[in-house]
PDB file of all heavy atoms in Angstrom:
ATOM      1  N   LEU A   1     -44.734  -1.793 -15.497  1.00  0.00           N
ATOM      2  CA  LEU A   1     -45.708  -1.056 -14.642  1.00  0.00           C
ATOM      3  C   LEU A   1     -46.515  -2.027 -13.816  1.00  0.00           C
ATOM      4  O   LEU A   1     -46.775  -1.792 -12.617  1.00  0.00           O
ATOM      5  CB  LEU A   1     -46.634  -0.207 -15.527  1.00  0.00           C
ATOM      6  CG  LEU A   1     -47.602   0.680 -14.727  1.00  0.00           C
ATOM      7  CD1 LEU A   1     -46.881   1.698 -13.854  1.00  0.00           C
ATOM      8  CD2 LEU A   1     -48.489   1.414 -15.713  1.00  0.00           C
ATOM      9  N   ILE A   2     -46.930  -3.118 -14.500  1.00  0.00           N
ATOM     10  CA  ILE A   2     -47.771  -4.105 -13.725  1.00  0.00           C
ATOM     11  C   ILE A   2     -46.954  -4.739 -12.608  1.00  0.00           C
ATOM     12  O   ILE A   2     -47.454  -5.024 -11.532  1.00  0.00           O
ATOM     13  CB  ILE A   2     -48.259  -5.212 -14.738  1.00  0.00           C
ATOM     14  CG1 ILE A   2     -49.320  -4.618 -15.705  1.00  0.00           C
ATOM     15  CG2 ILE A   2     -48.846  -6.395 -13.965  1.00  0.00           C
ATOM     16  CD1 ILE A   2     -49.710  -5.537 -16.807  1.00  0.00           C
ATOM     17  N   GLY A   3     -45.626  -4.898 -12.881  1.00  0.00           N
ATOM     18  CA  GLY A   3     -44.817  -5.534 -11.865  1.00  0.00           C
ATOM     19  C   GLY A   3     -44.149  -4.619 -10.902  1.00  0.00           C
ATOM     20  O   GLY A   3     -43.406  -5.039 -10.015  1.00  0.00           O
ATOM     21  N   SER A   4     -44.426  -3.283 -11.002  1.00  0.00           N
ATOM     22  CA  SER A   4     -43.768  -2.304 -10.110  1.00  0.00           C
ATOM     23  C   SER A   4     -44.584  -2.176  -8.836  1.00  0.00           C
ATOM     24  O   SER A   4     -45.724  -1.678  -8.840  1.00  0.00           O
ATOM     25  CB  SER A   4     -43.698  -0.929 -10.844  1.00  0.00           C
ATOM     26  OG  SER A   4     -43.354   0.062  -9.904  1.00  0.00           O
ATOM     27  N   GLN A   5     -43.938  -2.566  -7.735  1.00  0.00           N
ATOM     28  CA  GLN A   5     -44.663  -2.474  -6.434  1.00  0.00           C
ATOM     29  C   GLN A   5     -44.975  -1.031  -6.052  1.00  0.00           C
ATOM     30  O   GLN A   5     -46.103  -0.690  -5.633  1.00  0.00           O
ATOM     31  CB  GLN A   5     -43.835  -3.119  -5.307  1.00  0.00           C
ATOM     32  CG  GLN A   5     -44.568  -3.125  -3.982  1.00  0.00           C
ATOM     33  CD  GLN A   5     -43.819  -3.860  -2.921  1.00  0.00           C
ATOM     34  OE1 GLN A   5     -42.810  -4.544  -3.188  1.00  0.00           O
ATOM     35  NE2 GLN A   5     -44.267  -3.733  -1.653  1.00  0.00           N
ATOM     36  N   PRO A   6     -44.005  -0.030  -6.223  1.00  0.00           N
ATOM     37  CA  PRO A   6     -44.369   1.378  -5.876  1.00  0.00           C
ATOM     38  C   PRO A   6     -45.529   1.870  -6.717  1.00  0.00           C
ATOM     39  O   PRO A   6     -46.395   2.606  -6.218  1.00  0.00           O
ATOM     40  CB  PRO A   6     -43.065   2.129  -6.193  1.00  0.00           C
ATOM     41  CG  PRO A   6     -41.990   1.107  -6.059  1.00  0.00           C
ATOM     42  CD  PRO A   6     -42.602  -0.162  -6.570  1.00  0.00           C
ATOM     43  N   ALA A   7     -45.514   1.529  -8.040  1.00  0.00           N
ATOM     44  CA  ALA A   7     -46.631   2.008  -8.941  1.00  0.00           C
ATOM     45  C   ALA A   7     -47.929   1.384  -8.467  1.00  0.00           C
ATOM     46  O   ALA A   7     -48.951   2.139  -8.323  1.00  0.00           O
ATOM     47  CB  ALA A   7     -46.333   1.659 -10.349  1.00  0.00           C
ATOM     48  N   GLN A   8     -47.987   0.130  -8.202  1.00  0.00           N
ATOM     49  CA  GLN A   8     -49.193  -0.556  -7.759  1.00  0.00           C
ATOM     50  C   GLN A   8     -49.708   0.050  -6.460  1.00  0.00           C
ATOM     51  O   GLN A   8     -50.943   0.270  -6.294  1.00  0.00           O
ATOM     52  CB  GLN A   8     -48.971  -2.044  -7.620  1.00  0.00           C
ATOM     53  CG  GLN A   8     -48.712  -2.730  -8.931  1.00  0.00           C
ATOM     54  CD  GLN A   8     -49.802  -2.480 -10.006  1.00  0.00           C
ATOM     55  OE1 GLN A   8     -50.990  -2.642  -9.706  1.00  0.00           O
ATOM     56  NE2 GLN A   8     -49.390  -2.118 -11.192  1.00  0.00           N
ATOM     57  N   GLU A   9     -48.836   0.374  -5.508  1.00  0.00           N
ATOM     58  CA  GLU A   9     -49.226   0.920  -4.270  1.00  0.00           C
ATOM     59  C   GLU A   9     -49.723   2.350  -4.431  1.00  0.00           C
ATOM     60  O   GLU A   9     -50.626   2.750  -3.767  1.00  0.00           O
ATOM     61  CB  GLU A   9     -48.015   0.886  -3.312  1.00  0.00           C
ATOM     62  CG  GLU A   9     -47.667  -0.491  -2.823  1.00  0.00           C
ATOM     63  CD  GLU A   9     -46.457  -0.528  -1.850  1.00  0.00           C
ATOM     64  OE1 GLU A   9     -45.908   0.565  -1.638  1.00  0.00           O
ATOM     65  OE2 GLU A   9     -46.150  -1.585  -1.323  1.00  0.00           O
ATOM     66  N   ALA A  10     -49.145   3.100  -5.401  1.00  0.00           N
ATOM     67  CA  ALA A  10     -49.635   4.470  -5.648  1.00  0.00           C
ATOM     68  C   ALA A  10     -51.008   4.444  -6.174  1.00  0.00           C
ATOM     69  O   ALA A  10     -51.888   5.236  -5.840  1.00  0.00           O
ATOM     70  CB  ALA A  10     -48.671   5.169  -6.614  1.00  0.00           C
ATOM     71  N   PHE A  11     -51.317   3.514  -7.087  1.00  0.00           N
ATOM     72  CA  PHE A  11     -52.663   3.410  -7.698  1.00  0.00           C
ATOM     73  C   PHE A  11     -53.693   2.920  -6.689  1.00  0.00           C
ATOM     74  O   PHE A  11     -54.887   3.296  -6.769  1.00  0.00           O
ATOM     75  CB  PHE A  11     -52.635   2.409  -8.842  1.00  0.00           C
ATOM     76  CG  PHE A  11     -51.981   2.937 -10.119  1.00  0.00           C
ATOM     77  CD1 PHE A  11     -51.079   2.147 -10.801  1.00  0.00           C
ATOM     78  CD2 PHE A  11     -52.198   4.209 -10.584  1.00  0.00           C
ATOM     79  CE1 PHE A  11     -50.428   2.624 -11.952  1.00  0.00           C
ATOM     80  CE2 PHE A  11     -51.589   4.726 -11.686  1.00  0.00           C
ATOM     81  CZ  PHE A  11     -50.706   3.879 -12.397  1.00  0.00           C
ATOM     82  N   ASP A  12     -53.235   2.167  -5.675  1.00  0.00           N
ATOM     83  CA  ASP A  12     -54.184   1.574  -4.724  1.00  0.00           C
ATOM     84  C   ASP A  12     -54.459   2.571  -3.591  1.00  0.00           C
ATOM     85  O   ASP A  12     -53.814   2.565  -2.524  1.00  0.00           O
ATOM     86  CB  ASP A  12     -53.610   0.272  -4.168  1.00  0.00           C
ATOM     87  CG  ASP A  12     -54.575  -0.436  -3.273  1.00  0.00           C
ATOM     88  OD1 ASP A  12     -55.747  -0.008  -3.177  1.00  0.00           O
ATOM     89  OD2 ASP A  12     -54.195  -1.510  -2.667  1.00  0.00           O
ATOM     90  N   ILE A  13     -55.419   3.424  -3.852  1.00  0.00           N
ATOM     91  CA  ILE A  13     -55.756   4.505  -2.908  1.00  0.00           C
ATOM     92  C   ILE A  13     -56.344   3.930  -1.597  1.00  0.00           C
ATOM     93  O   ILE A  13     -56.363   4.596  -0.581  1.00  0.00           O
ATOM     94  CB  ILE A  13     -56.759   5.493  -3.535  1.00  0.00           C
ATOM     95  CG1 ILE A  13     -56.678   6.829  -2.789  1.00  0.00           C
ATOM     96  CG2 ILE A  13     -58.110   4.953  -3.620  1.00  0.00           C
ATOM     97  CD1 ILE A  13     -57.389   7.963  -3.519  1.00  0.00           C
ATOM     98  N   GLN A  14     -56.806   2.661  -1.608  1.00  0.00           N
ATOM     99  CA  GLN A  14     -57.323   2.045  -0.431  1.00  0.00           C
ATOM    100  C   GLN A  14     -56.253   1.934   0.659  1.00  0.00           C
ATOM    101  O   GLN A  14     -56.570   1.720   1.853  1.00  0.00           O
ATOM    102  CB  GLN A  14     -57.896   0.679  -0.722  1.00  0.00           C
ATOM    103  CG  GLN A  14     -58.775   0.560  -1.970  1.00  0.00           C
ATOM    104  CD  GLN A  14     -60.072   1.416  -1.832  1.00  0.00           C
ATOM    105  OE1 GLN A  14     -60.544   1.706  -0.777  1.00  0.00           O
ATOM    106  NE2 GLN A  14     -60.574   1.791  -3.019  1.00  0.00           N
ATOM    107  N   ARG A  15     -54.984   1.977   0.287  1.00  0.00           N
ATOM    108  CA  ARG A  15     -53.914   1.852   1.232  1.00  0.00           C
ATOM    109  C   ARG A  15     -53.700   3.132   2.039  1.00  0.00           C
ATOM    110  O   ARG A  15     -53.000   3.144   3.059  1.00  0.00           O
ATOM    111  CB  ARG A  15     -52.551   1.527   0.477  1.00  0.00           C
ATOM    112  CG  ARG A  15     -52.497   0.188  -0.153  1.00  0.00           C
ATOM    113  CD  ARG A  15     -51.212   0.115  -0.979  1.00  0.00           C
ATOM    114  NE  ARG A  15     -51.056  -1.225  -1.573  1.00  0.00           N
ATOM    115  CZ  ARG A  15     -50.292  -2.197  -1.089  1.00  0.00           C
ATOM    116  NH1 ARG A  15     -49.621  -1.956   0.018  1.00  0.00           N
ATOM    117  NH2 ARG A  15     -50.139  -3.342  -1.655  1.00  0.00           N
ATOM    118  N   GLU A  16     -54.306   4.234   1.614  1.00  0.00           N
ATOM    119  CA  GLU A  16     -54.101   5.503   2.256  1.00  0.00           C
ATOM    120  C   GLU A  16     -54.703   5.559   3.619  1.00  0.00           C
ATOM    121  O   GLU A  16     -55.797   4.954   3.873  1.00  0.00           O
ATOM    122  CB  GLU A  16     -54.658   6.637   1.372  1.00  0.00           C
ATOM    123  CG  GLU A  16     -54.243   8.016   1.793  1.00  0.00           C
ATOM    124  CD  GLU A  16     -52.789   8.265   1.687  1.00  0.00           C
ATOM    125  OE1 GLU A  16     -52.195   8.071   0.620  1.00  0.00           O
ATOM    126  OE2 GLU A  16     -52.198   8.685   2.726  1.00  0.00           O
ATOM    127  N   ASP A  17     -54.071   6.247   4.537  1.00  0.00           N
ATOM    128  CA  ASP A  17     -54.646   6.486   5.854  1.00  0.00           C
ATOM    129  C   ASP A  17     -55.993   7.125   5.818  1.00  0.00           C
ATOM    130  O   ASP A  17     -56.211   8.047   5.058  1.00  0.00           O
ATOM    131  CB  ASP A  17     -53.612   7.368   6.651  1.00  0.00           C
ATOM    132  CG  ASP A  17     -54.182   7.690   7.987  1.00  0.00           C
ATOM    133  OD1 ASP A  17     -54.024   6.845   8.944  1.00  0.00           O
ATOM    134  OD2 ASP A  17     -54.639   8.831   8.203  1.00  0.00           O
ATOM    135  N   GLU A  18     -56.917   6.566   6.668  1.00  0.00           N
ATOM    136  CA  GLU A  18     -58.291   7.053   6.650  1.00  0.00           C
ATOM    137  C   GLU A  18     -58.404   8.545   6.981  1.00  0.00           C
ATOM    138  O   GLU A  18     -59.183   9.257   6.338  1.00  0.00           O
ATOM    139  CB  GLU A  18     -59.145   6.269   7.596  1.00  0.00           C
ATOM    140  CG  GLU A  18     -59.356   4.795   7.173  1.00  0.00           C
ATOM    141  CD  GLU A  18     -60.123   4.666   5.884  1.00  0.00           C
ATOM    142  OE1 GLU A  18     -61.142   5.354   5.734  1.00  0.00           O
ATOM    143  OE2 GLU A  18     -59.715   3.881   5.007  1.00  0.00           O
ATOM    144  N   LYS A  19     -57.565   9.006   7.903  1.00  0.00           N
ATOM    145  CA  LYS A  19     -57.605  10.421   8.315  1.00  0.00           C
ATOM    146  C   LYS A  19     -57.172  11.321   7.158  1.00  0.00           C
ATOM    147  O   LYS A  19     -57.704  12.431   6.925  1.00  0.00           O
ATOM    148  CB  LYS A  19     -56.738  10.673   9.501  1.00  0.00           C
ATOM    149  CG  LYS A  19     -57.302  10.060  10.818  1.00  0.00           C
ATOM    150  CD  LYS A  19     -56.435  10.387  11.960  1.00  0.00           C
ATOM    151  CE  LYS A  19     -57.020   9.825  13.255  1.00  0.00           C
ATOM    152  NZ  LYS A  19     -56.185  10.153  14.449  1.00  0.00           N
ATOM    153  N   THR A  20     -56.231  10.878   6.338  1.00  0.00           N
ATOM    154  CA  THR A  20     -55.760  11.619   5.167  1.00  0.00           C
ATOM    155  C   THR A  20     -56.815  11.648   4.087  1.00  0.00           C
ATOM    156  O   THR A  20     -57.034  12.707   3.491  1.00  0.00           O
ATOM    157  CB  THR A  20     -54.462  11.025   4.580  1.00  0.00           C
ATOM    158  OG1 THR A  20     -53.439  11.012   5.640  1.00  0.00           O
ATOM    159  CG2 THR A  20     -53.956  11.826   3.420  1.00  0.00           C
ATOM    160  N   ARG A  21     -57.517  10.518   3.886  1.00  0.00           N
ATOM    161  CA  ARG A  21     -58.606  10.543   2.892  1.00  0.00           C
ATOM    162  C   ARG A  21     -59.716  11.470   3.371  1.00  0.00           C
ATOM    163  O   ARG A  21     -60.293  12.208   2.524  1.00  0.00           O
ATOM    164  CB  ARG A  21     -59.168   9.121   2.763  1.00  0.00           C
ATOM    165  CG  ARG A  21     -58.107   8.150   2.158  1.00  0.00           C
ATOM    166  CD  ARG A  21     -58.767   6.844   1.707  1.00  0.00           C
ATOM    167  NE  ARG A  21     -59.571   7.072   0.461  1.00  0.00           N
ATOM    168  CZ  ARG A  21     -60.199   6.180  -0.179  1.00  0.00           C
ATOM    169  NH1 ARG A  21     -60.220   4.913   0.260  1.00  0.00           N
ATOM    170  NH2 ARG A  21     -60.888   6.450  -1.248  1.00  0.00           N
ATOM    171  N   ASP A  22     -59.996  11.544   4.651  1.00  0.00           N
ATOM    172  CA  ASP A  22     -60.988  12.474   5.139  1.00  0.00           C
ATOM    173  C   ASP A  22     -60.526  13.955   4.967  1.00  0.00           C
ATOM    174  O   ASP A  22     -61.403  14.798   4.686  1.00  0.00           O
ATOM    175  CB  ASP A  22     -61.291  12.201   6.647  1.00  0.00           C
ATOM    176  CG  ASP A  22     -61.961  10.877   6.893  1.00  0.00           C
ATOM    177  OD1 ASP A  22     -62.581  10.323   5.956  1.00  0.00           O
ATOM    178  OD2 ASP A  22     -61.912  10.402   8.002  1.00  0.00           O
ATOM    179  N   LEU A  23     -59.249  14.160   5.159  1.00  0.00           N
ATOM    180  CA  LEU A  23     -58.758  15.537   4.994  1.00  0.00           C
ATOM    181  C   LEU A  23     -59.036  16.076   3.563  1.00  0.00           C
ATOM    182  O   LEU A  23     -59.434  17.251   3.446  1.00  0.00           O
ATOM    183  CB  LEU A  23     -57.241  15.523   5.203  1.00  0.00           C
ATOM    184  CG  LEU A  23     -56.483  16.898   4.992  1.00  0.00           C
ATOM    185  CD1 LEU A  23     -56.874  17.867   6.100  1.00  0.00           C
ATOM    186  CD2 LEU A  23     -54.993  16.628   4.950  1.00  0.00           C
ATOM    187  N   TYR A  24     -58.886  15.259   2.559  1.00  0.00           N
ATOM    188  CA  TYR A  24     -59.142  15.720   1.191  1.00  0.00           C
ATOM    189  C   TYR A  24     -60.637  15.794   0.857  1.00  0.00           C
ATOM    190  O   TYR A  24     -61.023  16.458  -0.141  1.00  0.00           O
ATOM    191  CB  TYR A  24     -58.525  14.732   0.209  1.00  0.00           C
ATOM    192  CG  TYR A  24     -57.042  14.900   0.027  1.00  0.00           C
ATOM    193  CD1 TYR A  24     -56.098  14.313   0.865  1.00  0.00           C
ATOM    194  CD2 TYR A  24     -56.546  15.593  -1.099  1.00  0.00           C
ATOM    195  CE1 TYR A  24     -54.767  14.479   0.695  1.00  0.00           C
ATOM    196  CE2 TYR A  24     -55.138  15.736  -1.297  1.00  0.00           C
ATOM    197  CZ  TYR A  24     -54.277  15.213  -0.377  1.00  0.00           C
ATOM    198  OH  TYR A  24     -52.903  15.287  -0.567  1.00  0.00           O
ATOM    199  N   GLY A  25     -61.456  15.121   1.570  1.00  0.00           N
ATOM    200  CA  GLY A  25     -62.870  15.058   1.305  1.00  0.00           C
ATOM    201  C   GLY A  25     -63.279  13.741   0.673  1.00  0.00           C
ATOM    202  O   GLY A  25     -62.605  13.298  -0.319  1.00  0.00           O
ATOM    203  N   ARG A  26     -64.287  13.094   1.131  1.00  0.00           N
ATOM    204  CA  ARG A  26     -64.699  11.834   0.587  1.00  0.00           C
ATOM    205  C   ARG A  26     -65.598  12.089  -0.593  1.00  0.00           C
ATOM    206  O   ARG A  26     -66.803  11.789  -0.552  1.00  0.00           O
ATOM    207  CB  ARG A  26     -65.415  10.960   1.686  1.00  0.00           C
ATOM    208  CG  ARG A  26     -64.482  10.554   2.778  1.00  0.00           C
ATOM    209  CD  ARG A  26     -63.395   9.598   2.309  1.00  0.00           C
ATOM    210  NE  ARG A  26     -62.611   9.052   3.369  1.00  0.00           N
ATOM    211  CZ  ARG A  26     -62.448   7.709   3.539  1.00  0.00           C
ATOM    212  NH1 ARG A  26     -62.909   6.871   2.700  1.00  0.00           N
ATOM    213  NH2 ARG A  26     -61.681   7.260   4.611  1.00  0.00           N
ATOM    214  N   ASN A  27     -65.037  12.580  -1.657  1.00  0.00           N
ATOM    215  CA  ASN A  27     -65.722  12.870  -2.912  1.00  0.00           C
ATOM    216  C   ASN A  27     -64.776  12.594  -4.060  1.00  0.00           C
ATOM    217  O   ASN A  27     -63.566  12.420  -3.871  1.00  0.00           O
ATOM    218  CB  ASN A  27     -66.347  14.265  -2.908  1.00  0.00           C
ATOM    219  CG  ASN A  27     -65.240  15.289  -2.640  1.00  0.00           C
ATOM    220  OD1 ASN A  27     -64.385  15.536  -3.516  1.00  0.00           O
ATOM    221  ND2 ASN A  27     -65.269  15.952  -1.494  1.00  0.00           N
ATOM    222  N   ASN A  28     -65.297  12.642  -5.236  1.00  0.00           N
ATOM    223  CA  ASN A  28     -64.458  12.351  -6.397  1.00  0.00           C
ATOM    224  C   ASN A  28     -63.261  13.299  -6.551  1.00  0.00           C
ATOM    225  O   ASN A  28     -62.129  12.826  -6.752  1.00  0.00           O
ATOM    226  CB  ASN A  28     -65.299  12.313  -7.693  1.00  0.00           C
ATOM    227  CG  ASN A  28     -66.019  13.707  -7.968  1.00  0.00           C
ATOM    228  OD1 ASN A  28     -66.125  14.526  -7.063  1.00  0.00           O
ATOM    229  ND2 ASN A  28     -66.394  13.862  -9.173  1.00  0.00           N
ATOM    230  N   LEU A  29     -63.474  14.575  -6.449  1.00  0.00           N
ATOM    231  CA  LEU A  29     -62.377  15.531  -6.654  1.00  0.00           C
ATOM    232  C   LEU A  29     -61.326  15.354  -5.556  1.00  0.00           C
ATOM    233  O   LEU A  29     -60.146  15.358  -5.807  1.00  0.00           O
ATOM    234  CB  LEU A  29     -62.906  16.921  -6.695  1.00  0.00           C
ATOM    235  CG  LEU A  29     -61.795  18.046  -6.808  1.00  0.00           C
ATOM    236  CD1 LEU A  29     -61.068  17.833  -8.129  1.00  0.00           C
ATOM    237  CD2 LEU A  29     -62.389  19.417  -6.725  1.00  0.00           C
ATOM    238  N   GLY A  30     -61.745  15.317  -4.308  1.00  0.00           N
ATOM    239  CA  GLY A  30     -60.845  15.226  -3.231  1.00  0.00           C
ATOM    240  C   GLY A  30     -59.958  13.970  -3.328  1.00  0.00           C
ATOM    241  O   GLY A  30     -58.721  14.075  -3.165  1.00  0.00           O
ATOM    242  N   GLN A  31     -60.515  12.863  -3.710  1.00  0.00           N
ATOM    243  CA  GLN A  31     -59.730  11.662  -3.830  1.00  0.00           C
ATOM    244  C   GLN A  31     -58.879  11.644  -5.103  1.00  0.00           C
ATOM    245  O   GLN A  31     -57.806  11.029  -5.141  1.00  0.00           O
ATOM    246  CB  GLN A  31     -60.647  10.440  -3.811  1.00  0.00           C
ATOM    247  CG  GLN A  31     -61.461  10.278  -2.506  1.00  0.00           C
ATOM    248  CD  GLN A  31     -60.561  10.339  -1.272  1.00  0.00           C
ATOM    249  OE1 GLN A  31     -59.770   9.377  -1.072  1.00  0.00           O
ATOM    250  NE2 GLN A  31     -60.728  11.294  -0.392  1.00  0.00           N
ATOM    251  N   GLN A  32     -59.260  12.387  -6.145  1.00  0.00           N
ATOM    252  CA  GLN A  32     -58.425  12.537  -7.309  1.00  0.00           C
ATOM    253  C   GLN A  32     -57.206  13.351  -6.930  1.00  0.00           C
ATOM    254  O   GLN A  32     -56.055  13.064  -7.407  1.00  0.00           O
ATOM    255  CB  GLN A  32     -59.197  13.174  -8.460  1.00  0.00           C
ATOM    256  CG  GLN A  32     -60.204  12.312  -9.116  1.00  0.00           C
ATOM    257  CD  GLN A  32     -61.316  13.024  -9.858  1.00  0.00           C
ATOM    258  OE1 GLN A  32     -61.278  14.256  -9.971  1.00  0.00           O
ATOM    259  NE2 GLN A  32     -62.291  12.309 -10.362  1.00  0.00           N
ATOM    260  N   MET A  33     -57.337  14.379  -6.147  1.00  0.00           N
ATOM    261  CA  MET A  33     -56.188  15.178  -5.700  1.00  0.00           C
ATOM    262  C   MET A  33     -55.289  14.339  -4.839  1.00  0.00           C
ATOM    263  O   MET A  33     -54.047  14.435  -4.925  1.00  0.00           O
ATOM    264  CB  MET A  33     -56.673  16.409  -4.941  1.00  0.00           C
ATOM    265  CG  MET A  33     -57.322  17.452  -5.874  1.00  0.00           C
ATOM    266  SD  MET A  33     -57.641  19.009  -4.959  1.00  0.00           S
ATOM    267  CE  MET A  33     -58.313  20.034  -6.292  1.00  0.00           C
ATOM    268  N   LEU A  34     -55.849  13.519  -4.008  1.00  0.00           N
ATOM    269  CA  LEU A  34     -55.040  12.573  -3.198  1.00  0.00           C
ATOM    270  C   LEU A  34     -54.244  11.629  -4.057  1.00  0.00           C
ATOM    271  O   LEU A  34     -53.085  11.371  -3.866  1.00  0.00           O
ATOM    272  CB  LEU A  34     -55.933  11.849  -2.194  1.00  0.00           C
ATOM    273  CG  LEU A  34     -55.260  10.761  -1.383  1.00  0.00           C
ATOM    274  CD1 LEU A  34     -54.061  11.248  -0.606  1.00  0.00           C
ATOM    275  CD2 LEU A  34     -56.263  10.112  -0.392  1.00  0.00           C
ATOM    276  N   LEU A  35     -54.946  11.076  -5.101  1.00  0.00           N
ATOM    277  CA  LEU A  35     -54.262  10.185  -6.027  1.00  0.00           C
ATOM    278  C   LEU A  35     -53.131  10.887  -6.750  1.00  0.00           C
ATOM    279  O   LEU A  35     -52.082  10.318  -6.939  1.00  0.00           O
ATOM    280  CB  LEU A  35     -55.285   9.585  -6.952  1.00  0.00           C
ATOM    281  CG  LEU A  35     -54.765   8.493  -7.909  1.00  0.00           C
ATOM    282  CD1 LEU A  35     -54.071   7.343  -7.147  1.00  0.00           C
ATOM    283  CD2 LEU A  35     -55.871   7.960  -8.760  1.00  0.00           C
ATOM    284  N   ALA A  36     -53.336  12.173  -7.096  1.00  0.00           N
ATOM    285  CA  ALA A  36     -52.283  12.936  -7.738  1.00  0.00           C
ATOM    286  C   ALA A  36     -51.119  13.049  -6.876  1.00  0.00           C
ATOM    287  O   ALA A  36     -49.936  12.934  -7.245  1.00  0.00           O
ATOM    288  CB  ALA A  36     -52.822  14.331  -8.101  1.00  0.00           C
ATOM    289  N   ARG A  37     -51.309  13.288  -5.530  1.00  0.00           N
ATOM    290  CA  ARG A  37     -50.197  13.331  -4.609  1.00  0.00           C
ATOM    291  C   ARG A  37     -49.435  12.029  -4.531  1.00  0.00           C
ATOM    292  O   ARG A  37     -48.193  11.960  -4.521  1.00  0.00           O
ATOM    293  CB  ARG A  37     -50.686  13.722  -3.238  1.00  0.00           C
ATOM    294  CG  ARG A  37     -49.587  13.990  -2.174  1.00  0.00           C
ATOM    295  CD  ARG A  37     -49.864  13.275  -0.872  1.00  0.00           C
ATOM    296  NE  ARG A  37     -49.490  11.880  -0.849  1.00  0.00           N
ATOM    297  CZ  ARG A  37     -50.010  10.961  -0.126  1.00  0.00           C
ATOM    298  NH1 ARG A  37     -51.030  11.244   0.708  1.00  0.00           N
ATOM    299  NH2 ARG A  37     -49.618   9.670  -0.137  1.00  0.00           N
ATOM    300  N   ARG A  38     -50.178  10.935  -4.526  1.00  0.00           N
ATOM    301  CA  ARG A  38     -49.578   9.646  -4.479  1.00  0.00           C
ATOM    302  C   ARG A  38     -48.752   9.382  -5.720  1.00  0.00           C
ATOM    303  O   ARG A  38     -47.699   8.699  -5.676  1.00  0.00           O
ATOM    304  CB  ARG A  38     -50.639   8.533  -4.332  1.00  0.00           C
ATOM    305  CG  ARG A  38     -51.333   8.599  -2.945  1.00  0.00           C
ATOM    306  CD  ARG A  38     -52.491   7.597  -2.921  1.00  0.00           C
ATOM    307  NE  ARG A  38     -52.060   6.224  -2.996  1.00  0.00           N
ATOM    308  CZ  ARG A  38     -51.586   5.491  -1.997  1.00  0.00           C
ATOM    309  NH1 ARG A  38     -51.538   6.044  -0.721  1.00  0.00           N
ATOM    310  NH2 ARG A  38     -51.227   4.226  -2.129  1.00  0.00           N
ATOM    311  N   LEU A  39     -49.156   9.893  -6.905  1.00  0.00           N
ATOM    312  CA  LEU A  39     -48.398   9.710  -8.134  1.00  0.00           C
ATOM    313  C   LEU A  39     -47.135  10.436  -8.205  1.00  0.00           C
ATOM    314  O   LEU A  39     -46.050   9.946  -8.567  1.00  0.00           O
ATOM    315  CB  LEU A  39     -49.322  10.008  -9.327  1.00  0.00           C
ATOM    316  CG  LEU A  39     -50.534   9.060  -9.498  1.00  0.00           C
ATOM    317  CD1 LEU A  39     -51.467   9.653 -10.576  1.00  0.00           C
ATOM    318  CD2 LEU A  39     -50.072   7.681  -9.916  1.00  0.00           C
TER     319      LEU A  39
END
């Protein structure tokens, strides 16, 4: 898991497009839902 590039990229929400992050809402729940999509 530590060595998996796709996994590391999924966990790194900072990589997400700013407009997509805004779409979900810049709050804890919105970004948790975004992280769920990435997973």
